[in-house]
Amino acid sequence: MIGYVTIGALDVDKSGKFYDALMGAIGNERKFADGGWIGYGRKGEDGHSVYVCPPFDGKPASAGNGSMIGFVANSKDQVQKAYEAALVNGGKDEGAPGPRPADSKDFYGAYLRDPTGNKICVFVKGPFA
């Protein structure tokens, strides 16, 4: 349903390090960086659908209150690796990896803020034992 996502960045280089780490851990890669824009897509595939850049209007990027972007992982291990990689690369913890709600058998996610303050979730759906 979603065609693409654009994520505003205050500092594209800092945000690029964060998203390189997070995206790499869940099977995505940087496809290009040009003119202040960075594009991400699935490893081994053409195309990209996630962009990190400064806002078009020239005003500072800011995180949307109540906005969150969820990126799908393939396993609980990928969620953990993405969370750890993102924290090492400028991310801030918003909820360590685990089931949501706590007794869930079919949703496992981690929550972070990127260097600009955008809220990010990396998740996988089960069922899990």
C-alpha atoms as a PDB file:
ATOM      1  CA  MET A   1       0.000   0.000   0.000  1.00  0.00           C
ATOM      2  CA  ILE A   2       2.786   2.491   0.800  1.00  0.00           C
ATOM      3  CA  GLY A   3       4.760   3.582  -2.256  1.00  0.00           C
ATOM      4  CA  TYR A   4       7.644   5.214  -0.407  1.00  0.00           C
ATOM      5  CA  VAL A   5       8.624   6.918   2.846  1.00  0.00           C
ATOM      6  CA  THR A   6      10.618  10.139   3.219  1.00  0.00           C
ATOM      7  CA  ILE A   7      12.264  10.691   6.606  1.00  0.00           C
ATOM      8  CA  GLY A   8      13.370  14.220   7.478  1.00  0.00           C
ATOM      9  CA  ALA A   9      16.931  14.621   8.749  1.00  0.00           C
ATOM     10  CA  LEU A  10      18.631  17.475  10.571  1.00  0.00           C
ATOM     11  CA  ASP A  11      22.060  15.996   9.777  1.00  0.00           C
ATOM     12  CA  VAL A  12      22.028  13.663   6.767  1.00  0.00           C
ATOM     13  CA  ASP A  13      25.470  12.211   7.571  1.00  0.00           C
ATOM     14  CA  LYS A  14      24.506  11.255  11.154  1.00  0.00           C
ATOM     15  CA  SER A  15      21.139   9.947  10.000  1.00  0.00           C
ATOM     16  CA  GLY A  16      22.843   8.018   7.191  1.00  0.00           C
ATOM     17  CA  LYS A  17      25.040   6.161   9.693  1.00  0.00           C
ATOM     18  CA  PHE A  18      21.960   5.301  11.776  1.00  0.00           C
ATOM     19  CA  TYR A  19      19.929   4.067   8.782  1.00  0.00           C
ATOM     20  CA  ASP A  20      22.896   2.242   7.182  1.00  0.00           C
ATOM     21  CA  ALA A  21      23.212   0.201  10.392  1.00  0.00           C
ATOM     22  CA  LEU A  22      19.497  -0.313  10.984  1.00  0.00           C
ATOM     23  CA  MET A  23      18.647  -1.122   7.369  1.00  0.00           C
ATOM     24  CA  GLY A  24      21.661  -3.394   6.915  1.00  0.00           C
ATOM     25  CA  ALA A  25      20.604  -5.488   9.893  1.00  0.00           C
ATOM     26  CA  ILE A  26      17.214  -6.230   8.309  1.00  0.00           C
ATOM     27  CA  GLY A  27      18.307  -6.964   4.731  1.00  0.00           C
ATOM     28  CA  ASN A  28      18.288  -3.506   3.174  1.00  0.00           C
ATOM     29  CA  GLU A  29      21.108  -1.350   1.847  1.00  0.00           C
ATOM     30  CA  ARG A  30      21.959   2.173   0.822  1.00  0.00           C
ATOM     31  CA  LYS A  31      21.213   2.462  -2.886  1.00  0.00           C
ATOM     32  CA  PHE A  32      22.414   6.026  -3.417  1.00  0.00           C
ATOM     33  CA  ALA A  33      23.473   9.248  -1.734  1.00  0.00           C
ATOM     34  CA  ASP A  34      23.226  12.430  -3.793  1.00  0.00           C
ATOM     35  CA  GLY A  35      22.368  16.059  -3.184  1.00  0.00           C
ATOM     36  CA  GLY A  36      21.606  15.525   0.512  1.00  0.00           C
ATOM     37  CA  TRP A  37      19.348  12.534  -0.189  1.00  0.00           C
ATOM     38  CA  ILE A  38      20.011   8.908   0.760  1.00  0.00           C
ATOM     39  CA  GLY A  39      17.890   6.104  -0.696  1.00  0.00           C
ATOM     40  CA  TYR A  40      17.447   2.590   0.726  1.00  0.00           C
ATOM     41  CA  GLY A  41      16.070  -0.619  -0.755  1.00  0.00           C
ATOM     42  CA  ARG A  42      16.240  -4.409  -0.430  1.00  0.00           C
ATOM     43  CA  LYS A  43      19.682  -5.992  -0.839  1.00  0.00           C
ATOM     44  CA  GLY A  44      20.108  -7.591  -4.237  1.00  0.00           C
ATOM     45  CA  GLU A  45      17.114  -5.775  -5.771  1.00  0.00           C
ATOM     46  CA  ASP A  46      16.848  -2.686  -7.921  1.00  0.00           C
ATOM     47  CA  GLY A  47      14.913   0.227  -6.563  1.00  0.00           C
ATOM     48  CA  HIS A  48      14.492   2.027  -3.300  1.00  0.00           C
ATOM     49  CA  SER A  49      11.501   3.149  -1.302  1.00  0.00           C
ATOM     50  CA  VAL A  50      12.913   4.798   1.830  1.00  0.00           C
ATOM     51  CA  TYR A  51      14.550   8.215   1.581  1.00  0.00           C
ATOM     52  CA  VAL A  52      16.412  10.242   4.211  1.00  0.00           C
ATOM     53  CA  CYS A  53      16.847  13.945   3.455  1.00  0.00           C
ATOM     54  CA  PRO A  54      16.383  17.489   4.725  1.00  0.00           C
ATOM     55  CA  PRO A  55      12.849  18.881   4.284  1.00  0.00           C
ATOM     56  CA  PHE A  56      12.084  20.382   0.874  1.00  0.00           C
ATOM     57  CA  ASP A  57      10.892  23.666   2.402  1.00  0.00           C
ATOM     58  CA  GLY A  58      14.355  24.363   3.814  1.00  0.00           C
ATOM     59  CA  LYS A  59      13.124  24.480   7.414  1.00  0.00           C
ATOM     60  CA  PRO A  60      14.681  22.205  10.062  1.00  0.00           C
ATOM     61  CA  ALA A  61      13.423  18.631  10.182  1.00  0.00           C
ATOM     62  CA  SER A  62      11.416  17.683  13.240  1.00  0.00           C
ATOM     63  CA  ALA A  63       9.934  14.429  14.446  1.00  0.00           C
ATOM     64  CA  GLY A  64       6.171  14.127  14.106  1.00  0.00           C
ATOM     65  CA  ASN A  65       4.335  13.694  17.381  1.00  0.00           C
ATOM     66  CA  GLY A  66       2.490  10.394  17.069  1.00  0.00           C
ATOM     67  CA  SER A  67       4.255   9.407  13.835  1.00  0.00           C
ATOM     68  CA  MET A  68       6.192   6.166  13.670  1.00  0.00           C
ATOM     69  CA  ILE A  69       7.669   4.114  10.845  1.00  0.00           C
ATOM     70  CA  GLY A  70       7.794   0.328  11.204  1.00  0.00           C
ATOM     71  CA  PHE A  71      10.387  -1.682   9.304  1.00  0.00           C
ATOM     72  CA  VAL A  72       9.815  -5.428   8.874  1.00  0.00           C
ATOM     73  CA  ALA A  73      12.551  -7.835   9.912  1.00  0.00           C
ATOM     74  CA  ASN A  74      12.711 -11.544   9.068  1.00  0.00           C
ATOM     75  CA  SER A  75      13.461 -12.809  12.571  1.00  0.00           C
ATOM     76  CA  LYS A  76      13.716 -11.884  16.241  1.00  0.00           C
ATOM     77  CA  ASP A  77      17.503 -12.041  15.803  1.00  0.00           C
ATOM     78  CA  GLN A  78      17.327  -9.381  13.061  1.00  0.00           C
ATOM     79  CA  VAL A  79      15.233  -7.166  15.357  1.00  0.00           C
ATOM     80  CA  GLN A  80      17.893  -7.497  18.064  1.00  0.00           C
ATOM     81  CA  LYS A  81      20.771  -6.797  15.646  1.00  0.00           C
ATOM     82  CA  ALA A  82      18.994  -3.783  14.123  1.00  0.00           C
ATOM     83  CA  TYR A  83      18.272  -2.367  17.583  1.00  0.00           C
ATOM     84  CA  GLU A  84      21.882  -2.788  18.714  1.00  0.00           C
ATOM     85  CA  ALA A  85      23.326  -1.401  15.471  1.00  0.00           C
ATOM     86  CA  ALA A  86      21.018   1.607  15.569  1.00  0.00           C
ATOM     87  CA  LEU A  87      21.953   2.446  19.178  1.00  0.00           C
ATOM     88  CA  VAL A  88      25.668   2.330  18.342  1.00  0.00           C
ATOM     89  CA  ASN A  89      25.037   4.681  15.400  1.00  0.00           C
ATOM     90  CA  GLY A  90      23.226   7.548  17.080  1.00  0.00           C
ATOM     91  CA  GLY A  91      19.859   6.002  17.914  1.00  0.00           C
ATOM     92  CA  LYS A  92      18.059   6.411  21.227  1.00  0.00           C
ATOM     93  CA  ASP A  93      16.168   3.625  22.990  1.00  0.00           C
ATOM     94  CA  GLU A  94      12.366   3.854  23.036  1.00  0.00           C
ATOM     95  CA  GLY A  95      11.708   0.228  23.969  1.00  0.00           C
ATOM     96  CA  ALA A  96      14.086  -2.741  23.977  1.00  0.00           C
ATOM     97  CA  PRO A  97      13.366  -5.772  21.779  1.00  0.00           C
ATOM     98  CA  GLY A  98      10.562  -7.925  23.074  1.00  0.00           C
ATOM     99  CA  PRO A  99       6.986  -9.058  22.548  1.00  0.00           C
ATOM    100  CA  ARG A 100       4.289  -6.376  22.396  1.00  0.00           C
ATOM    101  CA  PRO A 101       2.184  -6.612  24.454  1.00  0.00           C
ATOM    102  CA  ALA A 102       4.403  -8.489  26.931  1.00  0.00           C
ATOM    103  CA  ASP A 103       2.411 -11.739  26.546  1.00  0.00           C
ATOM    104  CA  SER A 104       2.198 -11.570  22.726  1.00  0.00           C
ATOM    105  CA  LYS A 105       3.009 -14.717  20.791  1.00  0.00           C
ATOM    106  CA  ASP A 106       2.897 -13.067  17.371  1.00  0.00           C
ATOM    107  CA  PHE A 107       4.552  -9.600  17.515  1.00  0.00           C
ATOM    108  CA  TYR A 108       8.147  -8.913  18.500  1.00  0.00           C
ATOM    109  CA  GLY A 109       9.551  -5.416  18.116  1.00  0.00           C
ATOM    110  CA  ALA A 110      12.087  -2.810  19.191  1.00  0.00           C
ATOM    111  CA  TYR A 111      11.535   0.950  19.299  1.00  0.00           C
ATOM    112  CA  LEU A 112      14.095   3.692  18.692  1.00  0.00           C
ATOM    113  CA  ARG A 113      14.520   7.350  17.850  1.00  0.00           C
ATOM    114  CA  ASP A 114      16.818   8.284  14.972  1.00  0.00           C
ATOM    115  CA  PRO A 115      19.298  11.193  15.299  1.00  0.00           C
ATOM    116  CA  THR A 116      16.553  13.693  14.321  1.00  0.00           C
ATOM    117  CA  GLY A 117      14.040  12.228  16.791  1.00  0.00           C
ATOM    118  CA  ASN A 118      11.845  10.264  14.360  1.00  0.00           C
ATOM    119  CA  LYS A 119      10.300   7.216  16.027  1.00  0.00           C
ATOM    120  CA  ILE A 120      11.212   3.904  14.415  1.00  0.00           C
ATOM    121  CA  CYS A 121      10.050   0.350  15.053  1.00  0.00           C
ATOM    122  CA  VAL A 122      11.763  -2.783  13.775  1.00  0.00           C
ATOM    123  CA  PHE A 123       9.472  -5.798  14.114  1.00  0.00           C
ATOM    124  CA  VAL A 124       8.693  -9.329  13.066  1.00  0.00           C
ATOM    125  CA  LYS A 125       5.384 -11.142  13.216  1.00  0.00           C
ATOM    126  CA  GLY A 126       5.068 -14.744  14.448  1.00  0.00           C
ATOM    127  CA  PRO A 127       3.673 -17.010  15.695  1.00  0.00           C
ATOM    128  CA  PHE A 128       6.500 -17.545  18.171  1.00  0.00           C
ATOM    129  CA  ALA A 129       6.884 -20.341  20.718  1.00  0.00           C
END
